[in-house]
Amino acid sequence: MTTVRLRRVYEPASVEDGTRVLVDRVWPRGLTKDAARLSRWEKDVAPSTELRKWFGHEAGKYPEFKRRYAGELEDPVRAAALDRLRDLAAKGPLTLLTATKDLPHSHAAFLAGHLSG
């Protein structure tokens, strides 16, 4: 079973995190690279700027956001980034990191569910 965790990038790192991957397109405000303690940054798996702005983190738009985002993940560049995440998850615990405050209604939550199968 693949273990994919979801956390805010501002939370302290934990030994249970395993591989820590930032999945946002934009670097989180006020966070240094050292403080983030990332294994990698997969910004290509993030939603497009247009989709992110349309969504605006409005929970009521989340079902449509997920539909549109799933379509974007079929783009070859995004699909390759998703495959890299899948490979990391197969090797051990993977923690997807995002700056988003509403984790249950985020692209990172969608990715975690998708990768967990």
N, C-alpha and C. Protein backbone atom coordinates (compact mmCIF):
# COMPACT_ATOMS: atom_id res chain seq x y z
N MET A 1 0.84 -1.19 0.00
CA MET A 1 0.00 0.00 0.00
C MET A 1 0.88 1.26 0.00
N THR A 2 0.58 2.17 -0.87
CA THR A 2 1.31 3.41 -0.99
C THR A 2 0.90 4.36 0.13
N THR A 3 1.89 4.91 0.82
CA THR A 3 1.61 5.89 1.86
C THR A 3 1.91 7.28 1.32
N VAL A 4 0.85 8.06 1.12
CA VAL A 4 0.99 9.44 0.65
C VAL A 4 0.35 10.33 1.70
N ARG A 5 1.17 11.19 2.28
CA ARG A 5 0.67 12.12 3.28
C ARG A 5 0.51 13.50 2.66
N LEU A 6 -0.25 14.32 3.35
CA LEU A 6 -0.51 15.68 2.89
C LEU A 6 -0.26 16.62 4.07
N ARG A 7 0.56 17.65 3.85
CA ARG A 7 0.85 18.60 4.92
C ARG A 7 1.07 19.98 4.34
N ARG A 8 0.90 20.97 5.20
CA ARG A 8 1.27 22.33 4.82
C ARG A 8 2.79 22.45 4.91
N VAL A 9 3.37 23.13 3.97
CA VAL A 9 4.82 23.26 3.90
C VAL A 9 5.37 24.06 5.09
N TYR A 10 4.51 24.83 5.74
CA TYR A 10 4.93 25.63 6.89
C TYR A 10 5.04 24.81 8.18
N GLU A 11 4.50 23.60 8.19
CA GLU A 11 4.58 22.74 9.37
C GLU A 11 5.99 22.17 9.48
N PRO A 12 6.47 21.94 10.71
CA PRO A 12 7.81 21.35 10.86
C PRO A 12 7.88 19.96 10.22
N ALA A 13 9.04 19.64 9.68
CA ALA A 13 9.24 18.32 9.08
C ALA A 13 9.20 17.26 10.16
N SER A 14 8.80 16.06 9.77
CA SER A 14 8.72 14.92 10.68
C SER A 14 9.47 13.74 10.06
N VAL A 15 10.01 12.87 10.90
CA VAL A 15 10.71 11.70 10.37
C VAL A 15 9.76 10.79 9.60
N GLU A 16 8.47 10.83 9.92
CA GLU A 16 7.48 10.00 9.22
C GLU A 16 7.18 10.51 7.81
N ASP A 17 7.62 11.72 7.49
CA ASP A 17 7.30 12.31 6.19
C ASP A 17 7.88 11.53 5.02
N GLY A 18 9.01 10.92 5.21
CA GLY A 18 9.67 10.26 4.08
C GLY A 18 10.15 11.31 3.09
N THR A 19 9.86 11.10 1.82
CA THR A 19 10.23 12.05 0.78
C THR A 19 9.25 13.22 0.82
N ARG A 20 9.79 14.44 0.96
CA ARG A 20 8.97 15.65 1.06
C ARG A 20 9.02 16.41 -0.26
N VAL A 21 7.84 16.54 -0.91
CA VAL A 21 7.78 17.17 -2.22
C VAL A 21 6.79 18.32 -2.21
N LEU A 22 7.27 19.51 -2.56
CA LEU A 22 6.40 20.67 -2.73
C LEU A 22 5.71 20.54 -4.08
N VAL A 23 4.38 20.66 -4.09
CA VAL A 23 3.62 20.48 -5.33
C VAL A 23 2.92 21.77 -5.77
N ASP A 24 3.37 22.91 -5.26
CA ASP A 24 2.84 24.22 -5.66
C ASP A 24 3.67 24.78 -6.82
N ARG A 25 3.03 25.58 -7.65
CA ARG A 25 3.73 26.21 -8.77
C ARG A 25 4.59 27.38 -8.29
N VAL A 26 4.11 28.08 -7.25
CA VAL A 26 4.78 29.27 -6.74
C VAL A 26 5.42 28.94 -5.39
N TRP A 27 6.63 29.46 -5.17
CA TRP A 27 7.32 29.22 -3.90
C TRP A 27 6.52 29.88 -2.76
N PRO A 28 6.37 29.18 -1.62
CA PRO A 28 5.59 29.71 -0.49
C PRO A 28 6.20 30.98 0.10
N ARG A 29 5.32 31.93 0.37
CA ARG A 29 5.76 33.21 0.93
C ARG A 29 6.42 33.03 2.29
N GLY A 30 7.50 33.78 2.47
CA GLY A 30 8.16 33.84 3.77
C GLY A 30 8.89 32.59 4.21
N LEU A 31 9.09 31.65 3.31
CA LEU A 31 9.73 30.38 3.67
C LEU A 31 11.07 30.27 2.96
N THR A 32 12.12 29.97 3.72
CA THR A 32 13.42 29.76 3.10
C THR A 32 13.53 28.32 2.62
N LYS A 33 14.41 28.09 1.69
CA LYS A 33 14.61 26.72 1.18
C LYS A 33 15.09 25.80 2.28
N ASP A 34 15.93 26.29 3.18
CA ASP A 34 16.41 25.47 4.29
C ASP A 34 15.27 25.09 5.22
N ALA A 35 14.42 26.04 5.54
CA ALA A 35 13.30 25.79 6.46
C ALA A 35 12.30 24.80 5.87
N ALA A 36 12.15 24.78 4.56
CA ALA A 36 11.19 23.89 3.91
C ALA A 36 11.57 22.42 4.02
N ARG A 37 12.86 22.15 4.09
CA ARG A 37 13.38 20.78 4.18
C ARG A 37 12.77 19.87 3.12
N LEU A 38 12.86 20.31 1.88
CA LEU A 38 12.29 19.56 0.76
C LEU A 38 13.25 18.52 0.22
N SER A 39 12.66 17.44 -0.30
CA SER A 39 13.44 16.49 -1.08
C SER A 39 13.48 16.95 -2.53
N ARG A 40 12.37 17.56 -2.97
CA ARG A 40 12.28 18.09 -4.34
C ARG A 40 11.08 19.02 -4.46
N TRP A 41 11.03 19.73 -5.58
CA TRP A 41 9.93 20.64 -5.89
C TRP A 41 9.41 20.25 -7.26
N GLU A 42 8.19 19.74 -7.30
CA GLU A 42 7.56 19.32 -8.57
C GLU A 42 6.50 20.34 -8.97
N LYS A 43 6.95 21.52 -9.39
CA LYS A 43 5.98 22.56 -9.74
C LYS A 43 5.20 22.24 -11.00
N ASP A 44 5.72 21.35 -11.85
CA ASP A 44 5.01 21.00 -13.09
C ASP A 44 3.73 20.21 -12.84
N VAL A 45 3.55 19.66 -11.64
CA VAL A 45 2.34 18.90 -11.35
C VAL A 45 1.22 19.82 -10.82
N ALA A 46 1.55 21.06 -10.54
CA ALA A 46 0.57 22.01 -10.00
C ALA A 46 -0.43 22.43 -11.08
N PRO A 47 -1.60 22.87 -10.67
CA PRO A 47 -2.58 23.36 -11.65
C PRO A 47 -2.05 24.62 -12.35
N SER A 48 -2.58 24.87 -13.51
CA SER A 48 -2.19 26.07 -14.25
C SER A 48 -2.59 27.32 -13.46
N THR A 49 -1.91 28.39 -13.75
CA THR A 49 -2.22 29.67 -13.10
C THR A 49 -3.68 30.04 -13.37
N GLU A 50 -4.13 29.82 -14.59
CA GLU A 50 -5.52 30.15 -14.95
C GLU A 50 -6.51 29.35 -14.10
N LEU A 51 -6.27 28.06 -13.95
CA LEU A 51 -7.18 27.23 -13.16
C LEU A 51 -7.12 27.61 -11.69
N ARG A 52 -5.94 27.86 -11.21
CA ARG A 52 -5.78 28.24 -9.79
C ARG A 52 -6.52 29.54 -9.50
N LYS A 53 -6.40 30.52 -10.39
CA LYS A 53 -7.08 31.80 -10.19
C LYS A 53 -8.60 31.63 -10.31
N TRP A 54 -9.07 30.82 -11.25
CA TRP A 54 -10.51 30.58 -11.39
C TRP A 54 -11.06 29.95 -10.11
N PHE A 55 -10.37 28.97 -9.59
CA PHE A 55 -10.82 28.24 -8.39
C PHE A 55 -10.86 29.17 -7.17
N GLY A 56 -9.80 29.93 -6.96
CA GLY A 56 -9.75 30.86 -5.85
C GLY A 56 -9.97 30.23 -4.49
N HIS A 57 -9.72 28.94 -4.36
CA HIS A 57 -9.89 28.20 -3.10
C HIS A 57 -11.32 28.28 -2.56
N GLU A 58 -12.28 28.34 -3.47
CA GLU A 58 -13.69 28.34 -3.07
C GLU A 58 -14.17 26.89 -3.02
N ALA A 59 -14.50 26.42 -1.82
CA ALA A 59 -14.87 25.01 -1.63
C ALA A 59 -16.01 24.58 -2.54
N GLY A 60 -16.94 25.46 -2.83
CA GLY A 60 -18.07 25.12 -3.69
C GLY A 60 -17.67 24.82 -5.12
N LYS A 61 -16.53 25.33 -5.54
CA LYS A 61 -16.02 25.08 -6.90
C LYS A 61 -15.15 23.82 -6.96
N TYR A 62 -14.90 23.18 -5.81
CA TYR A 62 -13.94 22.08 -5.78
C TYR A 62 -14.28 20.92 -6.71
N PRO A 63 -15.55 20.47 -6.79
CA PRO A 63 -15.84 19.37 -7.72
C PRO A 63 -15.47 19.71 -9.17
N GLU A 64 -15.77 20.92 -9.61
CA GLU A 64 -15.43 21.33 -10.98
C GLU A 64 -13.91 21.52 -11.10
N PHE A 65 -13.29 22.04 -10.06
CA PHE A 65 -11.84 22.19 -10.06
C PHE A 65 -11.17 20.84 -10.27
N LYS A 66 -11.62 19.81 -9.53
CA LYS A 66 -11.01 18.48 -9.66
C LYS A 66 -11.16 17.96 -11.08
N ARG A 67 -12.33 18.17 -11.68
CA ARG A 67 -12.55 17.71 -13.05
C ARG A 67 -11.58 18.38 -14.02
N ARG A 68 -11.47 19.70 -13.90
CA ARG A 68 -10.58 20.44 -14.79
C ARG A 68 -9.10 20.09 -14.53
N TYR A 69 -8.76 19.94 -13.27
CA TYR A 69 -7.37 19.62 -12.92
C TYR A 69 -7.00 18.23 -13.44
N ALA A 70 -7.90 17.28 -13.34
CA ALA A 70 -7.64 15.94 -13.88
C ALA A 70 -7.33 16.03 -15.37
N GLY A 71 -8.05 16.89 -16.07
CA GLY A 71 -7.78 17.11 -17.50
C GLY A 71 -6.40 17.69 -17.72
N GLU A 72 -6.01 18.65 -16.88
CA GLU A 72 -4.68 19.24 -17.02
C GLU A 72 -3.57 18.23 -16.77
N LEU A 73 -3.82 17.27 -15.89
CA LEU A 73 -2.79 16.27 -15.58
C LEU A 73 -2.51 15.32 -16.74
N GLU A 74 -3.32 15.40 -17.78
CA GLU A 74 -3.07 14.60 -18.98
C GLU A 74 -2.04 15.24 -19.90
N ASP A 75 -1.74 16.52 -19.67
CA ASP A 75 -0.70 17.21 -20.42
C ASP A 75 0.61 16.45 -20.22
N PRO A 76 1.41 16.24 -21.27
CA PRO A 76 2.62 15.42 -21.13
C PRO A 76 3.59 15.90 -20.04
N VAL A 77 3.78 17.18 -19.88
CA VAL A 77 4.71 17.69 -18.86
C VAL A 77 4.17 17.39 -17.47
N ARG A 78 2.89 17.64 -17.27
CA ARG A 78 2.27 17.37 -15.96
C ARG A 78 2.20 15.86 -15.71
N ALA A 79 1.91 15.09 -16.74
CA ALA A 79 1.84 13.63 -16.59
C ALA A 79 3.20 13.06 -16.19
N ALA A 80 4.27 13.61 -16.75
CA ALA A 80 5.62 13.16 -16.39
C ALA A 80 5.92 13.49 -14.93
N ALA A 81 5.51 14.67 -14.47
CA ALA A 81 5.71 15.04 -13.06
C ALA A 81 4.90 14.12 -12.16
N LEU A 82 3.69 13.79 -12.56
CA LEU A 82 2.85 12.87 -11.79
C LEU A 82 3.49 11.48 -11.73
N ASP A 83 4.07 11.04 -12.83
CA ASP A 83 4.78 9.75 -12.84
C ASP A 83 5.96 9.75 -11.88
N ARG A 84 6.67 10.89 -11.79
CA ARG A 84 7.79 10.98 -10.85
C ARG A 84 7.28 10.84 -9.41
N LEU A 85 6.14 11.46 -9.12
CA LEU A 85 5.55 11.32 -7.78
C LEU A 85 5.13 9.87 -7.52
N ARG A 86 4.57 9.25 -8.53
CA ARG A 86 4.15 7.84 -8.41
C ARG A 86 5.35 6.96 -8.11
N ASP A 87 6.46 7.20 -8.78
CA ASP A 87 7.69 6.43 -8.54
C ASP A 87 8.20 6.65 -7.12
N LEU A 88 8.17 7.89 -6.65
CA LEU A 88 8.62 8.18 -5.28
C LEU A 88 7.73 7.48 -4.26
N ALA A 89 6.42 7.49 -4.50
CA ALA A 89 5.47 6.86 -3.58
C ALA A 89 5.69 5.35 -3.53
N ALA A 90 6.10 4.75 -4.64
CA ALA A 90 6.33 3.30 -4.68
C ALA A 90 7.57 2.90 -3.87
N LYS A 91 8.47 3.86 -3.65
CA LYS A 91 9.72 3.57 -2.93
C LYS A 91 9.60 3.75 -1.42
N GLY A 92 8.55 4.40 -0.96
CA GLY A 92 8.40 4.63 0.48
C GLY A 92 7.47 5.78 0.77
N PRO A 93 7.37 6.17 2.03
CA PRO A 93 6.46 7.25 2.38
C PRO A 93 6.74 8.53 1.58
N LEU A 94 5.67 9.16 1.14
CA LEU A 94 5.75 10.40 0.36
C LEU A 94 4.83 11.41 1.02
N THR A 95 5.35 12.60 1.24
CA THR A 95 4.53 13.69 1.79
C THR A 95 4.46 14.81 0.76
N LEU A 96 3.24 15.11 0.35
CA LEU A 96 3.00 16.22 -0.57
C LEU A 96 2.82 17.49 0.26
N LEU A 97 3.55 18.52 -0.10
CA LEU A 97 3.52 19.77 0.64
C LEU A 97 2.92 20.88 -0.19
N THR A 98 2.12 21.72 0.47
CA THR A 98 1.50 22.86 -0.18
C THR A 98 1.38 24.00 0.82
N ALA A 99 1.31 25.21 0.30
CA ALA A 99 1.10 26.37 1.16
C ALA A 99 -0.39 26.60 1.42
N THR A 100 -1.24 25.92 0.69
CA THR A 100 -2.68 26.10 0.79
C THR A 100 -3.17 25.87 2.22
N LYS A 101 -4.06 26.75 2.68
CA LYS A 101 -4.61 26.62 4.04
C LYS A 101 -5.70 25.57 4.12
N ASP A 102 -6.51 25.44 3.08
CA ASP A 102 -7.64 24.50 3.07
C ASP A 102 -7.20 23.19 2.41
N LEU A 103 -6.51 22.36 3.19
CA LEU A 103 -5.96 21.12 2.62
C LEU A 103 -7.01 20.21 1.99
N PRO A 104 -8.19 20.00 2.62
CA PRO A 104 -9.16 19.08 2.01
C PRO A 104 -9.66 19.53 0.64
N HIS A 105 -9.60 20.83 0.34
CA HIS A 105 -10.06 21.34 -0.95
C HIS A 105 -8.89 21.89 -1.76
N SER A 106 -7.83 21.11 -1.84
CA SER A 106 -6.63 21.56 -2.55
C SER A 106 -6.23 20.60 -3.66
N HIS A 107 -5.42 21.09 -4.56
CA HIS A 107 -4.88 20.22 -5.61
C HIS A 107 -4.01 19.13 -4.98
N ALA A 108 -3.33 19.46 -3.88
CA ALA A 108 -2.48 18.47 -3.21
C ALA A 108 -3.31 17.31 -2.65
N ALA A 109 -4.50 17.61 -2.12
CA ALA A 109 -5.39 16.55 -1.64
C ALA A 109 -5.84 15.67 -2.79
N PHE A 110 -6.16 16.29 -3.93
CA PHE A 110 -6.53 15.51 -5.10
C PHE A 110 -5.38 14.60 -5.53
N LEU A 111 -4.16 15.15 -5.54
CA LEU A 111 -2.98 14.34 -5.92
C LEU A 111 -2.76 13.19 -4.95
N ALA A 112 -2.87 13.47 -3.65
CA ALA A 112 -2.66 12.41 -2.64
C ALA A 112 -3.66 11.28 -2.85
N GLY A 113 -4.92 11.62 -3.08
CA GLY A 113 -5.94 10.60 -3.34
C GLY A 113 -5.65 9.82 -4.61
N HIS A 114 -5.23 10.53 -5.62
CA HIS A 114 -4.93 9.92 -6.91
C HIS A 114 -3.74 8.94 -6.78
N LEU A 115 -2.72 9.36 -6.06
CA LEU A 115 -1.53 8.52 -5.90
C LEU A 115 -1.75 7.34 -4.96
N SER A 116 -2.64 7.52 -4.01
CA SER A 116 -2.94 6.44 -3.06
C SER A 116 -3.79 5.35 -3.71
N GLY A 117 -4.43 5.72 -4.81
CA GLY A 117 -5.19 4.75 -5.59
C GLY A 117 -6.49 4.37 -5.01
